[in-house]
C-alpha atoms as a PDB file:
ATOM      1  CA  MET A   1     -20.597 -31.979  -6.378  1.00  0.00           C
ATOM      2  CA  ILE A   2     -22.584 -32.110  -3.176  1.00  0.00           C
ATOM      3  CA  LEU A   3     -19.841 -30.680  -0.756  1.00  0.00           C
ATOM      4  CA  GLY A   4     -19.021 -28.154  -4.205  1.00  0.00           C
ATOM      5  CA  GLY A   5     -22.582 -27.021  -3.641  1.00  0.00           C
ATOM      6  CA  ILE A   6     -22.420 -26.266   0.071  1.00  0.00           C
ATOM      7  CA  ALA A   7     -18.899 -24.515  -0.452  1.00  0.00           C
ATOM      8  CA  LEU A   8     -20.295 -22.586  -2.795  1.00  0.00           C
ATOM      9  CA  ALA A   9     -23.100 -20.802  -0.585  1.00  0.00           C
ATOM     10  CA  VAL A  10     -20.554 -20.661   2.241  1.00  0.00           C
ATOM     11  CA  ASP A  11     -17.975 -18.917  -0.002  1.00  0.00           C
ATOM     12  CA  SER A  12     -20.674 -16.687  -1.749  1.00  0.00           C
ATOM     13  CA  LEU A  13     -21.927 -15.280   1.370  1.00  0.00           C
ATOM     14  CA  THR A  14     -18.500 -14.633   3.010  1.00  0.00           C
ATOM     15  CA  ALA A  15     -17.378 -13.116  -0.175  1.00  0.00           C
ATOM     16  CA  TRP A  16     -20.275 -10.599  -0.349  1.00  0.00           C
ATOM     17  CA  LEU A  17     -19.604  -9.649   3.664  1.00  0.00           C
ATOM     18  CA  THR A  18     -16.201  -8.988   3.067  1.00  0.00           C
ATOM     19  CA  TYR A  19     -16.400  -7.363  -0.059  1.00  0.00           C
ATOM     20  CA  THR A  20     -19.186  -4.676   1.924  1.00  0.00           C
ATOM     21  CA  MET A  21     -16.034  -4.306   3.952  1.00  0.00           C
ATOM     22  CA  GLN A  22     -13.318  -4.181   1.574  1.00  0.00           C
ATOM     23  CA  ARG A  23     -12.701  -0.487   1.236  1.00  0.00           C
ATOM     24  CA  GLY A  24      -9.949   1.048   2.321  1.00  0.00           C
ATOM     25  CA  SER A  25      -7.767  -2.488   3.652  1.00  0.00           C
ATOM     26  CA  VAL A  26      -5.680  -4.018   1.645  1.00  0.00           C
ATOM     27  CA  ASN A  27      -6.168  -7.202   4.138  1.00  0.00           C
ATOM     28  CA  ILE A  28      -9.600  -7.790   4.009  1.00  0.00           C
ATOM     29  CA  ARG A  29      -9.895  -7.159  -0.610  1.00  0.00           C
ATOM     30  CA  ALA A  30      -7.465 -10.219  -0.420  1.00  0.00           C
ATOM     31  CA  LEU A  31      -9.675 -11.868   1.902  1.00  0.00           C
ATOM     32  CA  PHE A  32     -12.537 -11.044  -0.257  1.00  0.00           C
ATOM     33  CA  LEU A  33     -10.525 -12.236  -3.543  1.00  0.00           C
ATOM     34  CA  HIS A  34     -10.188 -15.604  -1.600  1.00  0.00           C
ATOM     35  CA  ASN A  35     -13.441 -16.009  -0.775  1.00  0.00           C
ATOM     36  CA  LEU A  36     -14.472 -14.559  -4.663  1.00  0.00           C
ATOM     37  CA  SER A  37     -11.637 -17.181  -5.952  1.00  0.00           C
ATOM     38  CA  ASP A  38     -13.241 -20.199  -4.031  1.00  0.00           C
ATOM     39  CA  ALA A  39     -16.792 -19.614  -4.804  1.00  0.00           C
ATOM     40  CA  LEU A  40     -15.444 -19.500  -8.536  1.00  0.00           C
ATOM     41  CA  ALA A  41     -13.932 -22.883  -7.849  1.00  0.00           C
ATOM     42  CA  SER A  42     -17.253 -24.165  -6.652  1.00  0.00           C
ATOM     43  CA  VAL A  43     -19.240 -23.648  -9.665  1.00  0.00           C
ATOM     44  CA  ALA A  44     -16.162 -25.122 -12.178  1.00  0.00           C
ATOM     45  CA  VAL A  45     -16.299 -28.148  -9.709  1.00  0.00           C
ATOM     46  CA  ILE A  46     -20.108 -28.173  -9.945  1.00  0.00           C
ATOM     47  CA  ALA A  47     -20.018 -27.830 -13.860  1.00  0.00           C
ATOM     48  CA  GLY A  48     -17.060 -30.241 -14.135  1.00  0.00           C
ATOM     49  CA  GLY A  49     -19.033 -32.731 -12.432  1.00  0.00           C
ATOM     50  CA  THR A  50     -21.913 -32.231 -14.262  1.00  0.00           C
ATOM     51  CA  LEU A  51     -19.981 -33.046 -16.841  1.00  0.00           C
ATOM     52  CA  ILE A  52     -18.507 -35.932 -15.567  1.00  0.00           C
ATOM     53  CA  ILE A  53     -21.891 -37.704 -14.455  1.00  0.00           C
ATOM     54  CA  LEU A  54     -23.622 -37.062 -17.718  1.00  0.00           C
ATOM     55  CA  TYR A  55     -21.626 -37.118 -20.455  1.00  0.00           C
ATOM     56  CA  ASP A  56     -18.224 -38.873 -18.959  1.00  0.00           C
ATOM     57  CA  VAL A  57     -16.087 -36.027 -19.991  1.00  0.00           C
ATOM     58  CA  THR A  58     -13.278 -37.107 -17.786  1.00  0.00           C
ATOM     59  CA  TRP A  59     -10.702 -34.639 -19.359  1.00  0.00           C
ATOM     60  CA  VAL A  60     -12.747 -31.648 -17.933  1.00  0.00           C
ATOM     61  CA  ASP A  61     -11.449 -32.165 -14.438  1.00  0.00           C
ATOM     62  CA  PRO A  62      -7.445 -31.443 -15.084  1.00  0.00           C
ATOM     63  CA  VAL A  63      -8.449 -28.418 -17.374  1.00  0.00           C
ATOM     64  CA  ILE A  64     -10.637 -27.034 -14.530  1.00  0.00           C
ATOM     65  CA  THR A  65      -8.216 -27.487 -12.003  1.00  0.00           C
ATOM     66  CA  ILE A  66      -5.472 -25.736 -14.293  1.00  0.00           C
ATOM     67  CA  GLY A  67      -7.907 -23.006 -14.888  1.00  0.00           C
ATOM     68  CA  ILE A  68      -8.566 -22.540 -11.058  1.00  0.00           C
ATOM     69  CA  ALA A  69      -4.406 -22.554 -10.876  1.00  0.00           C
ATOM     70  CA  LEU A  70      -4.037 -19.887 -13.462  1.00  0.00           C
ATOM     71  CA  TYR A  71      -7.044 -17.802 -12.185  1.00  0.00           C
ATOM     72  CA  ILE A  72      -5.602 -17.689  -8.705  1.00  0.00           C
ATOM     73  CA  LEU A  73      -1.571 -16.955  -9.936  1.00  0.00           C
ATOM     74  CA  TYR A  74      -3.444 -13.749 -11.874  1.00  0.00           C
ATOM     75  CA  LEU A  75      -4.693 -12.819  -8.772  1.00  0.00           C
ATOM     76  CA  ALA A  76      -1.838 -13.305  -6.716  1.00  0.00           C
ATOM     77  CA  LEU A  77       0.379 -11.296  -9.803  1.00  0.00           C
ATOM     78  CA  THR A  78      -1.922  -8.574  -9.827  1.00  0.00           C
ATOM     79  CA  GLU A  79      -2.764  -8.074  -6.292  1.00  0.00           C
ATOM     80  CA  ILE A  80       0.910  -8.234  -4.902  1.00  0.00           C
ATOM     81  CA  GLY A  81       2.443  -4.361  -5.826  1.00  0.00           C
ATOM     82  CA  GLY A  82       0.840  -2.823  -2.514  1.00  0.00           C
ATOM     83  CA  PRO A  83       1.853  -5.290   0.113  1.00  0.00           C
ATOM     84  CA  ILE A  84       4.759  -5.204  -1.922  1.00  0.00           C
ATOM     85  CA  ARG A  85       5.382  -1.493  -1.547  1.00  0.00           C
ATOM     86  CA  THR A  86       4.622  -1.312   2.378  1.00  0.00           C
ATOM     87  CA  LEU A  87       6.730  -4.377   3.230  1.00  0.00           C
ATOM     88  CA  MET A  88      10.022  -2.797   1.341  1.00  0.00           C
ATOM     89  CA  LEU A  89       9.013   0.740   2.773  1.00  0.00           C
ATOM     90  CA  GLY A  90       8.103   2.533  -0.347  1.00  0.00           C
ATOM     91  CA  SER A  91       7.027   5.595  -1.097  1.00  0.00           C
ATOM     92  CA  PRO A  92       3.738   6.662  -1.654  1.00  0.00           C
ATOM     93  CA  PRO A  93       2.263   5.597  -5.138  1.00  0.00           C
ATOM     94  CA  ASP A  94      -0.296   8.783  -4.746  1.00  0.00           C
ATOM     95  CA  MET A  95       2.427  11.207  -3.125  1.00  0.00           C
ATOM     96  CA  VAL A  96       4.225  13.413  -5.014  1.00  0.00           C
ATOM     97  CA  GLY A  97       7.547  13.968  -3.307  1.00  0.00           C
ATOM     98  CA  GLY A  98       8.603  17.307  -5.031  1.00  0.00           C
ATOM     99  CA  GLU A  99       5.255  18.601  -3.290  1.00  0.00           C
ATOM    100  CA  VAL A 100       6.299  17.533   0.041  1.00  0.00           C
ATOM    101  CA  VAL A 101       9.663  18.952   0.056  1.00  0.00           C
ATOM    102  CA  GLU A 102       8.603  22.139  -1.506  1.00  0.00           C
ATOM    103  CA  ALA A 103       5.513  22.522   1.736  1.00  0.00           C
ATOM    104  CA  MET A 104       8.699  22.132   4.103  1.00  0.00           C
ATOM    105  CA  ARG A 105      10.467  24.521   2.280  1.00  0.00           C
ATOM    106  CA  SER A 106       8.281  26.983   2.204  1.00  0.00           C
ATOM    107  CA  VAL A 107       8.178  27.138   6.202  1.00  0.00           C
ATOM    108  CA  ASN A 108       9.266  30.715   7.071  1.00  0.00           C
ATOM    109  CA  GLY A 109      13.007  29.929   8.497  1.00  0.00           C
ATOM    110  CA  VAL A 110      14.044  26.929   6.296  1.00  0.00           C
ATOM    111  CA  VAL A 111      16.936  27.481   4.294  1.00  0.00           C
ATOM    112  CA  ASP A 112      16.747  24.012   2.667  1.00  0.00           C
ATOM    113  CA  VAL A 113      15.763  20.363   2.980  1.00  0.00           C
ATOM    114  CA  HIS A 114      17.744  17.126   1.751  1.00  0.00           C
ATOM    115  CA  HIS A 115      17.870  13.690   2.606  1.00  0.00           C
ATOM    116  CA  VAL A 116      14.439  12.975   2.026  1.00  0.00           C
ATOM    117  CA  HIS A 117      13.090   9.702   2.541  1.00  0.00           C
ATOM    118  CA  LEU A 118       9.088   9.245   2.162  1.00  0.00           C
ATOM    119  CA  TRP A 119       7.687   5.768   2.191  1.00  0.00           C
ATOM    120  CA  GLN A 120       4.543   3.584   3.257  1.00  0.00           C
ATOM    121  CA  MET A 121       5.114   2.760   6.901  1.00  0.00           C
ATOM    122  CA  GLN A 122       2.003   0.841   6.938  1.00  0.00           C
ATOM    123  CA  GLU A 123      -1.263   0.267   4.912  1.00  0.00           C
ATOM    124  CA  HIS A 124      -2.609   3.672   5.472  1.00  0.00           C
ATOM    125  CA  GLU A 125       0.372   5.689   7.318  1.00  0.00           C
ATOM    126  CA  VAL A 126       3.334   7.318   5.617  1.00  0.00           C
ATOM    127  CA  ALA A 127       5.994   7.976   7.191  1.00  0.00           C
ATOM    128  CA  LEU A 128       9.167  10.625   6.424  1.00  0.00           C
ATOM    129  CA  ASP A 129      12.244  11.766   7.355  1.00  0.00           C
ATOM    130  CA  CYS A 130      14.722  14.276   6.447  1.00  0.00           C
ATOM    131  CA  HIS A 131      17.077  16.878   7.285  1.00  0.00           C
ATOM    132  CA  VAL A 132      16.062  20.643   7.329  1.00  0.00           C
ATOM    133  CA  VAL A 133      18.369  23.568   6.996  1.00  0.00           C
ATOM    134  CA  LEU A 134      17.179  26.108   8.971  1.00  0.00           C
ATOM    135  CA  SER A 135      18.559  30.385   8.996  1.00  0.00           C
ATOM    136  CA  ALA A 136      20.777  31.833  11.214  1.00  0.00           C
ATOM    137  CA  GLU A 137      18.053  33.741  12.693  1.00  0.00           C
ATOM    138  CA  THR A 138      15.695  30.563  13.221  1.00  0.00           C
ATOM    139  CA  TRP A 139      18.454  28.680  14.742  1.00  0.00           C
ATOM    140  CA  SER A 140      17.535  29.471  18.079  1.00  0.00           C
ATOM    141  CA  ARG A 141      13.671  28.422  17.873  1.00  0.00           C
ATOM    142  CA  PRO A 142      13.510  25.259  16.447  1.00  0.00           C
ATOM    143  CA  GLU A 143      10.758  23.532  17.761  1.00  0.00           C
ATOM    144  CA  ALA A 144       8.316  26.554  16.441  1.00  0.00           C
ATOM    145  CA  VAL A 145       9.597  25.357  12.871  1.00  0.00           C
ATOM    146  CA  LYS A 146       9.091  21.552  13.741  1.00  0.00           C
ATOM    147  CA  ARG A 147       5.831  22.188  14.247  1.00  0.00           C
ATOM    148  CA  GLU A 148       4.853  23.986  11.583  1.00  0.00           C
ATOM    149  CA  ILE A 149       6.453  21.484   9.745  1.00  0.00           C
ATOM    150  CA  LYS A 150       4.718  18.531  10.919  1.00  0.00           C
ATOM    151  CA  ASP A 151       1.529  20.851  11.175  1.00  0.00           C
ATOM    152  CA  ARG A 152       1.927  21.361   7.435  1.00  0.00           C
ATOM    153  CA  LEU A 153       2.842  17.668   6.804  1.00  0.00           C
ATOM    154  CA  ARG A 154      -0.264  16.063   8.508  1.00  0.00           C
ATOM    155  CA  ASP A 155      -2.742  18.767   6.976  1.00  0.00           C
ATOM    156  CA  ARG A 156      -1.240  18.663   3.589  1.00  0.00           C
ATOM    157  CA  PHE A 157      -0.714  15.254   3.418  1.00  0.00           C
ATOM    158  CA  THR A 158      -1.677  12.900   6.158  1.00  0.00           C
ATOM    159  CA  ILE A 159       1.972  12.350   7.075  1.00  0.00           C
ATOM    160  CA  THR A 160       1.281  11.765  11.051  1.00  0.00           C
ATOM    161  CA  HIS A 161       5.169  10.208  10.929  1.00  0.00           C
ATOM    162  CA  SER A 162       7.931  12.651  10.614  1.00  0.00           C
ATOM    163  CA  SER A 163      11.497  12.658  11.723  1.00  0.00           C
ATOM    164  CA  LEU A 164      13.662  16.245  11.351  1.00  0.00           C
ATOM    165  CA  GLU A 165      16.858  16.458  12.078  1.00  0.00           C
ATOM    166  CA  PHE A 166      17.950  20.260  12.143  1.00  0.00           C
ATOM    167  CA  GLU A 167      21.112  21.798  10.279  1.00  0.00           C
ATOM    168  CA  HIS A 168      22.415  25.143  10.770  1.00  0.00           C
ATOM    169  CA  GLU A 169      22.702  27.110   8.114  1.00  0.00           C
ATOM    170  CA  ASP A 170      26.455  27.622   8.294  1.00  0.00           C
ATOM    171  CA  ARG A 171      27.047  23.548   9.162  1.00  0.00           C
ATOM    172  CA  ALA A 172      24.700  22.103   6.546  1.00  0.00           C
ATOM    173  CA  HIS A 173      25.551  19.492   4.786  1.00  0.00           C
ATOM    174  CA  LYS A 174      27.619  20.836   1.296  1.00  0.00           C
ATOM    175  CA  ASP A 175      25.935  19.153  -1.900  1.00  0.00           C
ATOM    176  CA  ALA A 176      23.984  16.418  -0.398  1.00  0.00           C
ATOM    177  CA  GLU A 177      21.668  14.591  -2.225  1.00  0.00           C
ATOM    178  CA  LEU A 178      17.741  15.626  -2.150  1.00  0.00           C
ATOM    179  CA  TYR A 179      16.487  12.301  -1.730  1.00  0.00           C
ATOM    180  CA  GLY A 180      17.949   9.060  -0.191  1.00  0.00           C
ATOM    181  CA  HIS A 181      21.507   8.733   1.224  1.00  0.00           C
ATOM    182  CA  GLY A 182      23.424  10.625  -0.859  1.00  0.00           C
END
């Protein structure tokens, strides 16, 4: 119980510190939840130790252990979505792909966009790569179109990493899928 009290003090302090820093970082949030779990486990250990000492209720020890394990499992299952999305290069959850495509299509000289890949590259960084079909008139100035597309992606969607492959409208992929490898 004494060690549980010391652990509770340390874990409460570190949980409070990490709580103030957790906004915007999945890593610091995971650290906060870990410290919070440890602090709650210390409370359970102190309560269990008190019950065992005062009332000789020894069955409370495995119940507390199972409760702590279930709580940790619950936290793991509810918090794993974001990191898995990033690790699996999933699409950003708060970004509408159709709006990104329309922003690129509305650039002067862009005929179409296809083969779009939009993914969560890092915790706060979205990446995009796609094929951009240029009109015959615009084919002579692809760098200007590229700059305008990249500026729109950065300004409207905070997409700062993009790879654009240009195709001439007369030689563009026919029946290409909008998204993915089709």
